[in-house]
Amino acid sequence: MNRREITLIIRDAISKQVRGRMMRPLLGTEHSYVIMHLSHKNWESKESELQLRCMIARHDISKARQVIGLGIGNGPYGVPTFDLVYFDIPELTGEVKLKVKQAKEELGFFNNPQINRSSQMS
């Protein structure tokens, strides 16, 4: 069931080309997902943006000590592209908390997050 739900969430994020989406841990897990749309607009900063979004998810979803980030979209020449990030952060340091605060304030990443499960999507 978890793989089915992840598939639905990824498909929804791709079809709506959401800038970023975070997903709560599924039943029986301690990891969350961040899905980020890749495009020419964020191509140069895609790796750092995905990493920052994953740190924010780790901060905002305290149960999720592990975060898997998926960047999905098209590269500059229309070629499908995927980026993958994995973080295992048992404890949040002051440095991580500061980076999260700065990313939210300065870049607007997940400032007003909508954290959904697939059953809540339209």
PDB file of N, CA and C in Angstrom:
ATOM      1  N   MET A   1       0.827  -1.202   0.000  1.00  0.00           N
ATOM      2  CA  MET A   1       0.000   0.000   0.000  1.00  0.00           C
ATOM      3  C   MET A   1       0.866   1.259   0.000  1.00  0.00           C
ATOM      4  N   ASN A   2       1.986   1.222   0.732  1.00  0.00           N
ATOM      5  CA  ASN A   2       2.840   2.406   0.782  1.00  0.00           C
ATOM      6  C   ASN A   2       3.384   2.758  -0.594  1.00  0.00           C
ATOM      7  N   ARG A   3       3.826   1.757  -1.357  1.00  0.00           N
ATOM      8  CA  ARG A   3       4.349   2.045  -2.703  1.00  0.00           C
ATOM      9  C   ARG A   3       3.270   2.608  -3.600  1.00  0.00           C
ATOM     10  N   ARG A   4       2.053   2.133  -3.449  1.00  0.00           N
ATOM     11  CA  ARG A   4       0.938   2.657  -4.242  1.00  0.00           C
ATOM     12  C   ARG A   4       0.680   4.125  -3.896  1.00  0.00           C
ATOM     13  N   GLU A   5       0.708   4.433  -2.616  1.00  0.00           N
ATOM     14  CA  GLU A   5       0.469   5.810  -2.198  1.00  0.00           C
ATOM     15  C   GLU A   5       1.587   6.730  -2.683  1.00  0.00           C
ATOM     16  N   ILE A   6       2.835   6.284  -2.579  1.00  0.00           N
ATOM     17  CA  ILE A   6       3.953   7.079  -3.070  1.00  0.00           C
ATOM     18  C   ILE A   6       3.798   7.338  -4.560  1.00  0.00           C
ATOM     19  N   THR A   7       3.413   6.319  -5.310  1.00  0.00           N
ATOM     20  CA  THR A   7       3.212   6.466  -6.750  1.00  0.00           C
ATOM     21  C   THR A   7       2.147   7.509  -7.053  1.00  0.00           C
ATOM     22  N   LEU A   8       1.040   7.473  -6.318  1.00  0.00           N
ATOM     23  CA  LEU A   8      -0.026   8.453  -6.532  1.00  0.00           C
ATOM     24  C   LEU A   8       0.447   9.874  -6.239  1.00  0.00           C
ATOM     25  N   ILE A   9       1.220  10.039  -5.186  1.00  0.00           N
ATOM     26  CA  ILE A   9       1.697  11.362  -4.803  1.00  0.00           C
ATOM     27  C   ILE A   9       2.694  11.886  -5.833  1.00  0.00           C
ATOM     28  N   ILE A  10       3.601  11.028  -6.287  1.00  0.00           N
ATOM     29  CA  ILE A  10       4.571  11.454  -7.302  1.00  0.00           C
ATOM     30  C   ILE A  10       3.863  11.798  -8.605  1.00  0.00           C
ATOM     31  N   ARG A  11       2.927  10.976  -9.016  1.00  0.00           N
ATOM     32  CA  ARG A  11       2.176  11.239 -10.254  1.00  0.00           C
ATOM     33  C   ARG A  11       1.429  12.569 -10.159  1.00  0.00           C
ATOM     34  N   ASP A  12       0.810  12.830  -9.009  1.00  0.00           N
ATOM     35  CA  ASP A  12       0.077  14.075  -8.810  1.00  0.00           C
ATOM     36  C   ASP A  12       1.024  15.272  -8.861  1.00  0.00           C
ATOM     37  N   ALA A  13       2.185  15.156  -8.191  1.00  0.00           N
ATOM     38  CA  ALA A  13       3.153  16.258  -8.186  1.00  0.00           C
ATOM     39  C   ALA A  13       3.676  16.549  -9.588  1.00  0.00           C
ATOM     40  N   ILE A  14       3.934  15.497 -10.364  1.00  0.00           N
ATOM     41  CA  ILE A  14       4.418  15.678 -11.733  1.00  0.00           C
ATOM     42  C   ILE A  14       3.351  16.327 -12.603  1.00  0.00           C
ATOM     43  N   SER A  15       2.130  15.830 -12.517  1.00  0.00           N
ATOM     44  CA  SER A  15       1.076  16.363 -13.389  1.00  0.00           C
ATOM     45  C   SER A  15       0.752  17.821 -13.070  1.00  0.00           C
ATOM     46  N   LYS A  16       0.862  18.202 -11.799  1.00  0.00           N
ATOM     47  CA  LYS A  16       0.576  19.589 -11.407  1.00  0.00           C
ATOM     48  C   LYS A  16       1.820  20.467 -11.431  1.00  0.00           C
ATOM     49  N   GLN A  17       2.980  19.857 -11.694  1.00  0.00           N
ATOM     50  CA  GLN A  17       4.259  20.565 -11.713  1.00  0.00           C
ATOM     51  C   GLN A  17       4.414  21.454 -10.488  1.00  0.00           C
ATOM     52  N   VAL A  18       4.144  20.869  -9.315  1.00  0.00           N
ATOM     53  CA  VAL A  18       4.287  21.631  -8.076  1.00  0.00           C
ATOM     54  C   VAL A  18       5.757  21.957  -7.866  1.00  0.00           C
ATOM     55  N   ARG A  19       6.004  23.109  -7.321  1.00  0.00           N
ATOM     56  CA  ARG A  19       7.390  23.531  -7.091  1.00  0.00           C
ATOM     57  C   ARG A  19       8.063  22.612  -6.081  1.00  0.00           C
ATOM     58  N   GLY A  20       7.335  22.231  -5.042  1.00  0.00           N
ATOM     59  CA  GLY A  20       7.859  21.315  -4.041  1.00  0.00           C
ATOM     60  C   GLY A  20       6.722  20.759  -3.203  1.00  0.00           C
ATOM     61  N   ARG A  21       6.839  19.509  -2.841  1.00  0.00           N
ATOM     62  CA  ARG A  21       5.824  18.868  -1.995  1.00  0.00           C
ATOM     63  C   ARG A  21       6.538  17.983  -0.988  1.00  0.00           C
ATOM     64  N   MET A  22       6.101  18.046   0.271  1.00  0.00           N
ATOM     65  CA  MET A  22       6.628  17.133   1.271  1.00  0.00           C
ATOM     66  C   MET A  22       5.530  16.179   1.702  1.00  0.00           C
ATOM     67  N   MET A  23       5.948  14.985   2.013  1.00  0.00           N
ATOM     68  CA  MET A  23       4.998  13.925   2.341  1.00  0.00           C
ATOM     69  C   MET A  23       5.326  13.360   3.716  1.00  0.00           C
ATOM     70  N   ARG A  24       4.321  13.251   4.559  1.00  0.00           N
ATOM     71  CA  ARG A  24       4.489  12.660   5.892  1.00  0.00           C
ATOM     72  C   ARG A  24       4.899  11.198   5.757  1.00  0.00           C
ATOM     73  N   PRO A  25       5.540  10.669   6.804  1.00  0.00           N
ATOM     74  CA  PRO A  25       5.864   9.237   6.776  1.00  0.00           C
ATOM     75  C   PRO A  25       4.600   8.394   6.630  1.00  0.00           C
ATOM     76  N   LEU A  26       4.702   7.360   5.840  1.00  0.00           N
ATOM     77  CA  LEU A  26       3.586   6.448   5.662  1.00  0.00           C
ATOM     78  C   LEU A  26       3.513   5.496   6.852  1.00  0.00           C
ATOM     79  N   LEU A  27       2.428   4.791   6.954  1.00  0.00           N
ATOM     80  CA  LEU A  27       2.181   3.883   8.070  1.00  0.00           C
ATOM     81  C   LEU A  27       3.357   2.927   8.270  1.00  0.00           C
ATOM     82  N   GLY A  28       3.891   2.898   9.491  1.00  0.00           N
ATOM     83  CA  GLY A  28       4.967   1.982   9.832  1.00  0.00           C
ATOM     84  C   GLY A  28       6.353   2.413   9.383  1.00  0.00           C
ATOM     85  N   THR A  29       6.512   3.660   8.933  1.00  0.00           N
ATOM     86  CA  THR A  29       7.822   4.132   8.472  1.00  0.00           C
ATOM     87  C   THR A  29       8.262   5.361   9.261  1.00  0.00           C
ATOM     88  N   GLU A  30       9.539   5.677   9.164  1.00  0.00           N
ATOM     89  CA  GLU A  30      10.089   6.871   9.805  1.00  0.00           C
ATOM     90  C   GLU A  30      10.770   7.779   8.787  1.00  0.00           C
ATOM     91  N   HIS A  31      10.408   7.648   7.541  1.00  0.00           N
ATOM     92  CA  HIS A  31      11.003   8.513   6.527  1.00  0.00           C
ATOM     93  C   HIS A  31       9.901   9.235   5.754  1.00  0.00           C
ATOM     94  N   SER A  32      10.267  10.423   5.317  1.00  0.00           N
ATOM     95  CA  SER A  32       9.334  11.202   4.507  1.00  0.00           C
ATOM     96  C   SER A  32       9.963  11.440   3.146  1.00  0.00           C
ATOM     97  N   TYR A  33       9.162  11.970   2.240  1.00  0.00           N
ATOM     98  CA  TYR A  33       9.622  12.263   0.885  1.00  0.00           C
ATOM     99  C   TYR A  33       9.427  13.737   0.586  1.00  0.00           C
ATOM    100  N   VAL A  34      10.313  14.257  -0.233  1.00  0.00           N
ATOM    101  CA  VAL A  34      10.157  15.587  -0.807  1.00  0.00           C
ATOM    102  C   VAL A  34      10.206  15.407  -2.313  1.00  0.00           C
ATOM    103  N   ILE A  35       9.195  15.910  -2.991  1.00  0.00           N
ATOM    104  CA  ILE A  35       9.152  15.845  -4.454  1.00  0.00           C
ATOM    105  C   ILE A  35       9.275  17.270  -4.964  1.00  0.00           C
ATOM    106  N   MET A  36      10.199  17.476  -5.891  1.00  0.00           N
ATOM    107  CA  MET A  36      10.443  18.815  -6.422  1.00  0.00           C
ATOM    108  C   MET A  36      10.456  18.755  -7.947  1.00  0.00           C
ATOM    109  N   HIS A  37       9.778  19.700  -8.558  1.00  0.00           N
ATOM    110  CA  HIS A  37       9.732  19.789 -10.017  1.00  0.00           C
ATOM    111  C   HIS A  37      11.017  20.433 -10.529  1.00  0.00           C
ATOM    112  N   LEU A  38      11.649  19.810 -11.503  1.00  0.00           N
ATOM    113  CA  LEU A  38      12.842  20.362 -12.142  1.00  0.00           C
ATOM    114  C   LEU A  38      12.447  21.014 -13.459  1.00  0.00           C
ATOM    115  N   SER A  39      12.987  22.198 -13.692  1.00  0.00           N
ATOM    116  CA  SER A  39      12.717  22.917 -14.948  1.00  0.00           C
ATOM    117  C   SER A  39      13.882  23.847 -15.237  1.00  0.00           C
ATOM    118  N   HIS A  40      13.785  24.569 -16.334  1.00  0.00           N
ATOM    119  CA  HIS A  40      14.834  25.531 -16.667  1.00  0.00           C
ATOM    120  C   HIS A  40      14.924  26.639 -15.622  1.00  0.00           C
ATOM    121  N   LYS A  41      13.835  26.891 -14.891  1.00  0.00           N
ATOM    122  CA  LYS A  41      13.822  27.963 -13.896  1.00  0.00           C
ATOM    123  C   LYS A  41      14.722  27.657 -12.696  1.00  0.00           C
ATOM    124  N   ASN A  42      14.820  26.396 -12.312  1.00  0.00           N
ATOM    125  CA  ASN A  42      15.628  26.059 -11.139  1.00  0.00           C
ATOM    126  C   ASN A  42      16.799  25.140 -11.493  1.00  0.00           C
ATOM    127  N   TRP A  43      17.151  25.067 -12.758  1.00  0.00           N
ATOM    128  CA  TRP A  43      18.158  24.110 -13.221  1.00  0.00           C
ATOM    129  C   TRP A  43      19.521  24.325 -12.558  1.00  0.00           C
ATOM    130  N   GLU A  44      19.960  25.552 -12.468  1.00  0.00           N
ATOM    131  CA  GLU A  44      21.295  25.838 -11.926  1.00  0.00           C
ATOM    132  C   GLU A  44      21.393  25.544 -10.428  1.00  0.00           C
ATOM    133  N   SER A  45      20.294  25.643  -9.713  1.00  0.00           N
ATOM    134  CA  SER A  45      20.327  25.486  -8.253  1.00  0.00           C
ATOM    135  C   SER A  45      19.566  24.251  -7.774  1.00  0.00           C
ATOM    136  N   LYS A  46      19.269  23.325  -8.693  1.00  0.00           N
ATOM    137  CA  LYS A  46      18.392  22.207  -8.346  1.00  0.00           C
ATOM    138  C   LYS A  46      18.918  21.343  -7.216  1.00  0.00           C
ATOM    139  N   GLU A  47      20.223  21.065  -7.176  1.00  0.00           N
ATOM    140  CA  GLU A  47      20.761  20.205  -6.123  1.00  0.00           C
ATOM    141  C   GLU A  47      20.646  20.871  -4.752  1.00  0.00           C
ATOM    142  N   SER A  48      21.055  22.119  -4.660  1.00  0.00           N
ATOM    143  CA  SER A  48      20.998  22.805  -3.365  1.00  0.00           C
ATOM    144  C   SER A  48      19.557  23.055  -2.935  1.00  0.00           C
ATOM    145  N   GLU A  49      18.668  23.344  -3.884  1.00  0.00           N
ATOM    146  CA  GLU A  49      17.260  23.554  -3.526  1.00  0.00           C
ATOM    147  C   GLU A  49      16.644  22.269  -2.991  1.00  0.00           C
ATOM    148  N   LEU A  50      16.914  21.151  -3.635  1.00  0.00           N
ATOM    149  CA  LEU A  50      16.366  19.870  -3.171  1.00  0.00           C
ATOM    150  C   LEU A  50      16.910  19.525  -1.789  1.00  0.00           C
ATOM    151  N   GLN A  51      18.194  19.770  -1.556  1.00  0.00           N
ATOM    152  CA  GLN A  51      18.779  19.496  -0.242  1.00  0.00           C
ATOM    153  C   GLN A  51      18.151  20.379   0.837  1.00  0.00           C
ATOM    154  N   LEU A  52      17.982  21.657   0.550  1.00  0.00           N
ATOM    155  CA  LEU A  52      17.357  22.561   1.525  1.00  0.00           C
ATOM    156  C   LEU A  52      15.914  22.151   1.812  1.00  0.00           C
ATOM    157  N   ARG A  53      15.199  21.784   0.773  1.00  0.00           N
ATOM    158  CA  ARG A  53      13.812  21.346   0.973  1.00  0.00           C
ATOM    159  C   ARG A  53      13.759  20.090   1.842  1.00  0.00           C
ATOM    160  N   CYS A  54      14.717  19.207   1.670  1.00  0.00           N
ATOM    161  CA  CYS A  54      14.766  17.985   2.498  1.00  0.00           C
ATOM    162  C   CYS A  54      15.076  18.323   3.955  1.00  0.00           C
ATOM    163  N   MET A  55      15.971  19.267   4.181  1.00  0.00           N
ATOM    164  CA  MET A  55      16.266  19.682   5.561  1.00  0.00           C
ATOM    165  C   MET A  55      15.039  20.321   6.213  1.00  0.00           C
ATOM    166  N   ILE A  56      14.300  21.096   5.437  1.00  0.00           N
ATOM    167  CA  ILE A  56      13.079  21.703   5.967  1.00  0.00           C
ATOM    168  C   ILE A  56      12.072  20.617   6.330  1.00  0.00           C
ATOM    169  N   ALA A  57      11.930  19.618   5.474  1.00  0.00           N
ATOM    170  CA  ALA A  57      11.006  18.518   5.766  1.00  0.00           C
ATOM    171  C   ALA A  57      11.427  17.798   7.036  1.00  0.00           C
ATOM    172  N   ARG A  58      12.726  17.568   7.204  1.00  0.00           N
ATOM    173  CA  ARG A  58      13.216  16.910   8.420  1.00  0.00           C
ATOM    174  C   ARG A  58      12.870  17.735   9.643  1.00  0.00           C
ATOM    175  N   HIS A  59      13.006  19.037   9.541  1.00  0.00           N
ATOM    176  CA  HIS A  59      12.694  19.949  10.643  1.00  0.00           C
ATOM    177  C   HIS A  59      11.194  19.981  10.930  1.00  0.00           C
ATOM    178  N   ASP A  60      10.394  20.100   9.890  1.00  0.00           N
ATOM    179  CA  ASP A  60       8.951  20.295  10.061  1.00  0.00           C
ATOM    180  C   ASP A  60       8.197  19.007  10.390  1.00  0.00           C
ATOM    181  N   ILE A  61       8.738  17.879  10.004  1.00  0.00           N
ATOM    182  CA  ILE A  61       8.096  16.592  10.288  1.00  0.00           C
ATOM    183  C   ILE A  61       9.020  15.838  11.241  1.00  0.00           C
ATOM    184  N   SER A  62       8.862  16.092  12.526  1.00  0.00           N
ATOM    185  CA  SER A  62       9.823  15.595  13.508  1.00  0.00           C
ATOM    186  C   SER A  62       9.934  14.071  13.549  1.00  0.00           C
ATOM    187  N   LYS A  63       8.890  13.359  13.173  1.00  0.00           N
ATOM    188  CA  LYS A  63       8.928  11.895  13.176  1.00  0.00           C
ATOM    189  C   LYS A  63       9.843  11.345  12.078  1.00  0.00           C
ATOM    190  N   ALA A  64      10.099  12.125  11.062  1.00  0.00           N
ATOM    191  CA  ALA A  64      10.839  11.655   9.884  1.00  0.00           C
ATOM    192  C   ALA A  64      12.318  11.971  10.014  1.00  0.00           C
ATOM    193  N   ARG A  65      13.064  11.090  10.659  1.00  0.00           N
ATOM    194  CA  ARG A  65      14.506  11.338  10.776  1.00  0.00           C
ATOM    195  C   ARG A  65      15.229  11.093   9.455  1.00  0.00           C
ATOM    196  N   GLN A  66      14.597  10.373   8.554  1.00  0.00           N
ATOM    197  CA  GLN A  66      15.161  10.160   7.222  1.00  0.00           C
ATOM    198  C   GLN A  66      14.259  10.837   6.201  1.00  0.00           C
ATOM    199  N   VAL A  67      14.905  11.484   5.236  1.00  0.00           N
ATOM    200  CA  VAL A  67      14.170  12.184   4.179  1.00  0.00           C
ATOM    201  C   VAL A  67      14.763  11.785   2.839  1.00  0.00           C
ATOM    202  N   ILE A  68      13.875  11.430   1.915  1.00  0.00           N
ATOM    203  CA  ILE A  68      14.271  11.085   0.553  1.00  0.00           C
ATOM    204  C   ILE A  68      13.744  12.174  -0.357  1.00  0.00           C
ATOM    205  N   GLY A  69      14.629  12.811  -1.084  1.00  0.00           N
ATOM    206  CA  GLY A  69      14.245  13.882  -1.997  1.00  0.00           C
ATOM    207  C   GLY A  69      14.297  13.410  -3.437  1.00  0.00           C
ATOM    208  N   LEU A  70      13.226  13.675  -4.173  1.00  0.00           N
ATOM    209  CA  LEU A  70      13.137  13.306  -5.586  1.00  0.00           C
ATOM    210  C   LEU A  70      12.922  14.562  -6.416  1.00  0.00           C
ATOM    211  N   GLY A  71      13.874  14.846  -7.276  1.00  0.00           N
ATOM    212  CA  GLY A  71      13.719  15.930  -8.239  1.00  0.00           C
ATOM    213  C   GLY A  71      13.344  15.312  -9.574  1.00  0.00           C
ATOM    214  N   ILE A  72      12.227  15.727 -10.137  1.00  0.00           N
ATOM    215  CA  ILE A  72      11.712  15.112 -11.360  1.00  0.00           C
ATOM    216  C   ILE A  72      11.325  16.208 -12.341  1.00  0.00           C
ATOM    217  N   GLY A  73      11.768  16.072 -13.579  1.00  0.00           N
ATOM    218  CA  GLY A  73      11.401  17.060 -14.597  1.00  0.00           C
ATOM    219  C   GLY A  73      12.173  16.846 -15.869  1.00  0.00           C
ATOM    220  N   ASN A  74      12.324  17.914 -16.624  1.00  0.00           N
ATOM    221  CA  ASN A  74      13.051  17.863 -17.887  1.00  0.00           C
ATOM    222  C   ASN A  74      14.259  18.781 -17.826  1.00  0.00           C
ATOM    223  N   GLY A  75      15.349  18.311 -18.418  1.00  0.00           N
ATOM    224  CA  GLY A  75      16.567  19.098 -18.501  1.00  0.00           C
ATOM    225  C   GLY A  75      16.446  20.163 -19.577  1.00  0.00           C
ATOM    226  N   PRO A  76      17.529  20.898 -19.814  1.00  0.00           N
ATOM    227  CA  PRO A  76      17.499  22.006 -20.777  1.00  0.00           C
ATOM    228  C   PRO A  76      17.096  21.591 -22.192  1.00  0.00           C
ATOM    229  N   TYR A  77      17.358  20.364 -22.586  1.00  0.00           N
ATOM    230  CA  TYR A  77      17.035  19.926 -23.944  1.00  0.00           C
ATOM    231  C   TYR A  77      15.794  19.027 -23.989  1.00  0.00           C
ATOM    232  N   GLY A  78      14.980  19.095 -22.933  1.00  0.00           N
ATOM    233  CA  GLY A  78      13.748  18.321 -22.902  1.00  0.00           C
ATOM    234  C   GLY A  78      13.930  16.865 -22.506  1.00  0.00           C
ATOM    235  N   VAL A  79      15.127  16.503 -22.081  1.00  0.00           N
ATOM    236  CA  VAL A  79      15.404  15.122 -21.685  1.00  0.00           C
ATOM    237  C   VAL A  79      14.913  14.919 -20.253  1.00  0.00           C
ATOM    238  N   PRO A  80      14.138  13.860 -19.994  1.00  0.00           N
ATOM    239  CA  PRO A  80      13.693  13.593 -18.620  1.00  0.00           C
ATOM    240  C   PRO A  80      14.895  13.472 -17.673  1.00  0.00           C
ATOM    241  N   THR A  81      14.787  14.123 -16.523  1.00  0.00           N
ATOM    242  CA  THR A  81      15.871  14.177 -15.558  1.00  0.00           C
ATOM    243  C   THR A  81      15.345  13.854 -14.169  1.00  0.00           C
ATOM    244  N   PHE A  82      16.177  13.158 -13.386  1.00  0.00           N
ATOM    245  CA  PHE A  82      15.822  12.792 -12.023  1.00  0.00           C
ATOM    246  C   PHE A  82      17.014  13.065 -11.114  1.00  0.00           C
ATOM    247  N   ASP A  83      16.771  13.665  -9.984  1.00  0.00           N
ATOM    248  CA  ASP A  83      17.786  13.852  -8.948  1.00  0.00           C
ATOM    249  C   ASP A  83      17.281  13.159  -7.692  1.00  0.00           C
ATOM    250  N   LEU A  84      18.202  12.633  -6.927  1.00  0.00           N
ATOM    251  CA  LEU A  84      17.850  11.900  -5.719  1.00  0.00           C
ATOM    252  C   LEU A  84      18.744  12.360  -4.575  1.00  0.00           C
ATOM    253  N   VAL A  85      18.145  12.615  -3.403  1.00  0.00           N
ATOM    254  CA  VAL A  85      18.867  13.017  -2.202  1.00  0.00           C
ATOM    255  C   VAL A  85      18.367  12.152  -1.059  1.00  0.00           C
ATOM    256  N   TYR A  86      19.286  11.751  -0.192  1.00  0.00           N
ATOM    257  CA  TYR A  86      18.904  10.984   0.999  1.00  0.00           C
ATOM    258  C   TYR A  86      19.600  11.594   2.207  1.00  0.00           C
ATOM    259  N   PHE A  87      18.832  11.891   3.245  1.00  0.00           N
ATOM    260  CA  PHE A  87      19.379  12.393   4.508  1.00  0.00           C
ATOM    261  C   PHE A  87      18.919  11.479   5.637  1.00  0.00           C
ATOM    262  N   ASP A  88      19.836  11.164   6.532  1.00  0.00           N
ATOM    263  CA  ASP A  88      19.510  10.475   7.782  1.00  0.00           C
ATOM    264  C   ASP A  88      20.039  11.382   8.884  1.00  0.00           C
ATOM    265  N   ILE A  89      19.137  12.121   9.504  1.00  0.00           N
ATOM    266  CA  ILE A  89      19.514  13.117  10.504  1.00  0.00           C
ATOM    267  C   ILE A  89      18.776  12.805  11.809  1.00  0.00           C
ATOM    268  N   PRO A  90      19.422  12.012  12.690  1.00  0.00           N
ATOM    269  CA  PRO A  90      18.765  11.665  13.955  1.00  0.00           C
ATOM    270  C   PRO A  90      18.492  12.877  14.849  1.00  0.00           C
ATOM    271  N   GLU A  91      19.447  13.813  14.913  1.00  0.00           N
ATOM    272  CA  GLU A  91      19.302  15.004  15.743  1.00  0.00           C
ATOM    273  C   GLU A  91      19.506  16.241  14.882  1.00  0.00           C
ATOM    274  N   LEU A  92      18.672  17.231  15.086  1.00  0.00           N
ATOM    275  CA  LEU A  92      18.841  18.498  14.374  1.00  0.00           C
ATOM    276  C   LEU A  92      19.787  19.398  15.160  1.00  0.00           C
ATOM    277  N   THR A  93      20.876  19.789  14.542  1.00  0.00           N
ATOM    278  CA  THR A  93      21.821  20.692  15.181  1.00  0.00           C
ATOM    279  C   THR A  93      21.339  22.128  15.038  1.00  0.00           C
ATOM    280  N   GLY A  94      21.944  22.998  15.784  1.00  0.00           N
ATOM    281  CA  GLY A  94      21.625  24.417  15.676  1.00  0.00           C
ATOM    282  C   GLY A  94      21.921  24.953  14.292  1.00  0.00           C
ATOM    283  N   GLU A  95      22.974  24.416  13.658  1.00  0.00           N
ATOM    284  CA  GLU A  95      23.331  24.847  12.306  1.00  0.00           C
ATOM    285  C   GLU A  95      22.237  24.479  11.302  1.00  0.00           C
ATOM    286  N   VAL A  96      21.698  23.276  11.417  1.00  0.00           N
ATOM    287  CA  VAL A  96      20.624  22.849  10.516  1.00  0.00           C
ATOM    288  C   VAL A  96      19.373  23.688  10.753  1.00  0.00           C
ATOM    289  N   LYS A  97      19.041  23.923  12.012  1.00  0.00           N
ATOM    290  CA  LYS A  97      17.865  24.742  12.324  1.00  0.00           C
ATOM    291  C   LYS A  97      18.008  26.151  11.763  1.00  0.00           C
ATOM    292  N   LEU A  98      19.224  26.700  11.820  1.00  0.00           N
ATOM    293  CA  LEU A  98      19.469  28.035  11.269  1.00  0.00           C
ATOM    294  C   LEU A  98      19.313  28.033   9.752  1.00  0.00           C
ATOM    295  N   LYS A  99      19.846  27.017   9.078  1.00  0.00           N
ATOM    296  CA  LYS A  99      19.700  26.918   7.617  1.00  0.00           C
ATOM    297  C   LYS A  99      18.233  26.798   7.217  1.00  0.00           C
ATOM    298  N   VAL A 100      17.480  26.029   7.986  1.00  0.00           N
ATOM    299  CA  VAL A 100      16.046  25.872   7.710  1.00  0.00           C
ATOM    300  C   VAL A 100      15.342  27.215   7.832  1.00  0.00           C
ATOM    301  N   LYS A 101      15.614  27.926   8.902  1.00  0.00           N
ATOM    302  CA  LYS A 101      14.981  29.228   9.114  1.00  0.00           C
ATOM    303  C   LYS A 101      15.330  30.191   7.978  1.00  0.00           C
ATOM    304  N   GLN A 102      16.604  30.234   7.588  1.00  0.00           N
ATOM    305  CA  GLN A 102      17.032  31.127   6.509  1.00  0.00           C
ATOM    306  C   GLN A 102      16.375  30.753   5.184  1.00  0.00           C
ATOM    307  N   ALA A 103      16.306  29.445   4.884  1.00  0.00           N
ATOM    308  CA  ALA A 103      15.701  29.011   3.617  1.00  0.00           C
ATOM    309  C   ALA A 103      14.227  29.374   3.562  1.00  0.00           C
ATOM    310  N   LYS A 104      13.553  29.223   4.673  1.00  0.00           N
ATOM    311  CA  LYS A 104      12.127  29.566   4.696  1.00  0.00           C
ATOM    312  C   LYS A 104      11.930  31.073   4.526  1.00  0.00           C
ATOM    313  N   GLU A 105      12.729  31.859   5.236  1.00  0.00           N
ATOM    314  CA  GLU A 105      12.572  33.317   5.200  1.00  0.00           C
ATOM    315  C   GLU A 105      13.050  33.923   3.875  1.00  0.00           C
ATOM    316  N   GLU A 106      14.256  33.545   3.455  1.00  0.00           N
ATOM    317  CA  GLU A 106      14.866  34.190   2.295  1.00  0.00           C
ATOM    318  C   GLU A 106      14.391  33.622   0.965  1.00  0.00           C
ATOM    319  N   LEU A 107      14.156  32.325   0.911  1.00  0.00           N
ATOM    320  CA  LEU A 107      13.807  31.676  -0.354  1.00  0.00           C
ATOM    321  C   LEU A 107      12.336  31.281  -0.452  1.00  0.00           C
ATOM    322  N   GLY A 108      11.641  31.271   0.680  1.00  0.00           N
ATOM    323  CA  GLY A 108      10.218  30.943   0.679  1.00  0.00           C
ATOM    324  C   GLY A 108       9.924  29.456   0.558  1.00  0.00           C
ATOM    325  N   PHE A 109      10.937  28.597   0.736  1.00  0.00           N
ATOM    326  CA  PHE A 109      10.725  27.157   0.608  1.00  0.00           C
ATOM    327  C   PHE A 109       9.832  26.649   1.743  1.00  0.00           C
ATOM    328  N   PHE A 110       8.723  26.055   1.388  1.00  0.00           N
ATOM    329  CA  PHE A 110       7.779  25.461   2.330  1.00  0.00           C
ATOM    330  C   PHE A 110       7.399  26.416   3.462  1.00  0.00           C
ATOM    331  N   ASN A 111       7.235  27.698   3.127  1.00  0.00           N
ATOM    332  CA  ASN A 111       6.818  28.672   4.130  1.00  0.00           C
ATOM    333  C   ASN A 111       5.449  28.345   4.700  1.00  0.00           C
ATOM    334  N   ASN A 112       4.528  27.999   3.846  1.00  0.00           N
ATOM    335  CA  ASN A 112       3.180  27.596   4.259  1.00  0.00           C
ATOM    336  C   ASN A 112       2.905  26.220   3.666  1.00  0.00           C
ATOM    337  N   PRO A 113       3.545  25.190   4.225  1.00  0.00           N
ATOM    338  CA  PRO A 113       3.457  23.882   3.575  1.00  0.00           C
ATOM    339  C   PRO A 113       2.068  23.268   3.665  1.00  0.00           C
ATOM    340  N   GLN A 114       1.735  22.564   2.624  1.00  0.00           N
ATOM    341  CA  GLN A 114       0.549  21.717   2.618  1.00  0.00           C
ATOM    342  C   GLN A 114       1.073  20.289   2.586  1.00  0.00           C
ATOM    343  N   ILE A 115       0.993  19.629   3.721  1.00  0.00           N
ATOM    344  CA  ILE A 115       1.524  18.278   3.840  1.00  0.00           C
ATOM    345  C   ILE A 115       0.339  17.324   3.719  1.00  0.00           C
ATOM    346  N   ASN A 116       0.276  16.600   2.610  1.00  0.00           N
ATOM    347  CA  ASN A 116      -0.885  15.780   2.288  1.00  0.00           C
ATOM    348  C   ASN A 116      -0.550  14.308   2.193  1.00  0.00           C
ATOM    349  N   ARG A 117      -1.589  13.513   2.264  1.00  0.00           N
ATOM    350  CA  ARG A 117      -1.534  12.116   1.926  1.00  0.00           C
ATOM    351  C   ARG A 117      -2.314  11.988   0.619  1.00  0.00           C
ATOM    352  N   SER A 118      -2.117  10.913  -0.111  1.00  0.00           N
ATOM    353  CA  SER A 118      -2.753  10.790  -1.428  1.00  0.00           C
ATOM    354  C   SER A 118      -4.268  10.842  -1.343  1.00  0.00           C
ATOM    355  N   SER A 119      -4.834  10.357  -0.250  1.00  0.00           N
ATOM    356  CA  SER A 119      -6.298  10.364  -0.105  1.00  0.00           C
ATOM    357  C   SER A 119      -6.844  11.782   0.054  1.00  0.00           C
ATOM    358  N   GLN A 120      -5.963  12.755   0.329  1.00  0.00           N
ATOM    359  CA  GLN A 120      -6.399  14.136   0.521  1.00  0.00           C
ATOM    360  C   GLN A 120      -6.248  14.959  -0.758  1.00  0.00           C
ATOM    361  N   MET A 121      -5.700  14.383  -1.810  1.00  0.00           N
ATOM    362  CA  MET A 121      -5.478  15.137  -3.036  1.00  0.00           C
ATOM    363  C   MET A 121      -6.738  15.124  -3.900  1.00  0.00           C
ATOM    364  N   SER A 122      -6.863  16.200  -4.644  1.00  0.00           N
ATOM    365  CA  SER A 122      -8.028  16.272  -5.548  1.00  0.00           C
ATOM    366  C   SER A 122      -7.678  15.768  -6.910  1.00  0.00           C
TER     367      SER A 122
END
